[in-house]
Amino acid sequence: MTFFRIQPAARDTALLLDEDTWESRNWNDEWAPARHGVSACGSIDELVSYFRTASGWVDEDCVVVELAGYYSHEDDEDAHAGALLICPTRIVSVTPVSDKLIERIYA
């Protein structure tokens, strides 16, 4: 099964495969407990929908990372908006965010 996420291009994608970094936290509540996994979405369309409702940013300094993996045993803080927590096993691809994708998110 594959999943998609957007992250800054400067962030080392290899860290996504390091189980020690699989912590997801609520950005608005520093005291909230960490959840086990990496935030992602099930498709590019779901990723677009998520970023339309999330308070994140997307620009030309970001990449789309496609990951193979399995579902975490916990839910993402933003599950109501379509975010999933996954445990990545392999990086399938890393591609620059296209202008077309940015336009879809901010349309």
Protein backbone atom coordinates (compact mmCIF):
# COMPACT_ATOMS: atom_id res chain seq x y z
CA MET A 1 0.00 0.00 0.00
CA THR A 2 1.33 3.48 -0.77
CA PHE A 3 0.72 6.85 0.83
CA PHE A 4 1.62 10.46 0.04
CA ARG A 5 2.91 13.40 2.05
CA ILE A 6 4.29 16.86 1.35
CA GLN A 7 7.30 18.12 3.24
CA PRO A 8 10.09 20.69 2.84
CA ALA A 9 12.64 19.57 0.24
CA ALA A 10 15.43 20.34 2.73
CA ARG A 11 14.16 17.68 5.17
CA ASP A 12 16.02 14.39 4.80
CA THR A 13 13.48 11.89 3.47
CA ALA A 14 15.57 9.00 4.85
CA LEU A 15 14.40 10.07 8.33
CA LEU A 16 10.92 8.89 7.35
CA LEU A 17 12.22 5.32 7.50
CA ASP A 18 13.78 5.74 10.95
CA GLU A 19 11.32 4.36 13.49
CA ASP A 20 12.82 6.61 16.16
CA THR A 21 11.38 9.62 14.29
CA TRP A 22 7.85 8.23 13.94
CA GLU A 23 6.20 10.74 16.24
CA SER A 24 3.27 12.90 15.30
CA ARG A 25 2.27 15.78 17.54
CA ASN A 26 -0.45 18.37 17.59
CA TRP A 27 1.21 21.60 16.43
CA ASN A 28 -1.22 23.69 18.50
CA ASP A 29 -0.89 21.78 21.77
CA GLU A 30 2.69 21.13 22.87
CA TRP A 31 1.46 19.11 25.85
CA ALA A 32 -0.54 16.65 23.78
CA PRO A 33 0.99 13.17 23.75
CA ALA A 34 2.91 12.08 20.67
CA ARG A 35 1.28 9.51 18.43
CA HIS A 36 3.22 6.72 16.75
CA GLY A 37 3.56 7.18 13.01
CA VAL A 38 4.20 9.53 10.09
CA SER A 39 1.41 11.75 8.76
CA ALA A 40 0.34 11.02 5.19
CA CYS A 41 -2.71 10.67 2.94
CA GLY A 42 -3.95 7.75 0.88
CA SER A 43 -3.82 9.51 -2.51
CA ILE A 44 -2.76 12.75 -4.17
CA ASP A 45 -6.43 13.85 -4.29
CA GLU A 46 -6.76 13.21 -0.55
CA LEU A 47 -3.50 15.12 0.01
CA VAL A 48 -4.89 18.10 -1.93
CA SER A 49 -8.11 17.96 0.09
CA TYR A 50 -6.16 17.74 3.36
CA PHE A 51 -3.97 20.74 2.57
CA ARG A 52 -7.04 22.75 1.58
CA THR A 53 -8.37 22.34 5.13
CA ALA A 54 -5.11 22.19 7.10
CA SER A 55 -3.16 25.19 8.25
CA GLY A 56 -0.03 23.96 6.48
CA TRP A 57 1.78 25.57 3.60
CA VAL A 58 2.92 24.27 0.25
CA ASP A 59 5.32 26.02 -2.11
CA GLU A 60 8.03 25.27 -4.65
CA ASP A 61 10.45 24.42 -1.81
CA CYS A 62 8.45 21.29 -0.99
CA VAL A 63 8.41 17.74 -2.32
CA VAL A 64 5.78 15.04 -2.60
CA VAL A 65 6.99 11.83 -0.98
CA GLU A 66 5.31 8.56 -1.92
CA LEU A 67 5.81 5.94 0.77
CA ALA A 68 5.05 2.25 1.01
CA GLY A 69 4.02 1.18 4.47
CA TYR A 70 1.25 0.11 6.77
CA TYR A 71 -1.23 1.86 9.05
CA SER A 72 -0.13 2.85 12.53
CA HIS A 73 -2.16 1.54 15.45
CA GLU A 74 -3.07 5.17 16.27
CA ASP A 75 -5.12 7.79 14.46
CA ASP A 76 -3.66 11.04 13.16
CA GLU A 77 -4.66 14.18 15.05
CA ASP A 78 -6.11 15.44 11.74
CA ALA A 79 -7.91 12.20 10.84
CA HIS A 80 -11.13 14.22 10.55
CA ALA A 81 -9.44 16.08 7.64
CA GLY A 82 -8.15 12.92 5.93
CA ALA A 83 -4.69 12.55 7.47
CA LEU A 84 -3.45 9.06 8.31
CA LEU A 85 -0.67 7.84 10.55
CA ILE A 86 1.51 5.27 8.85
CA CYS A 87 4.67 3.31 9.48
CA PRO A 88 6.74 3.69 6.30
CA THR A 89 8.76 0.75 5.03
CA ARG A 90 10.10 2.21 1.76
CA ILE A 91 10.36 5.50 -0.11
CA VAL A 92 8.77 4.91 -3.51
CA SER A 93 9.45 8.34 -4.99
CA VAL A 94 10.31 11.93 -4.17
CA THR A 95 9.22 14.61 -6.64
CA PRO A 96 9.19 18.39 -6.49
CA VAL A 97 5.78 19.92 -5.87
CA SER A 98 4.51 21.10 -9.24
CA ASP A 99 2.90 24.44 -9.94
CA LYS A 100 -0.23 22.53 -10.95
CA LEU A 101 -0.40 20.82 -7.54
CA ILE A 102 0.07 24.13 -5.74
CA GLU A 103 -2.73 25.63 -7.86
CA ARG A 104 -5.02 22.69 -6.99
CA ILE A 105 -4.37 23.16 -3.27
CA TYR A 106 -4.94 26.91 -3.25
CA ALA A 107 -7.81 26.97 -5.80
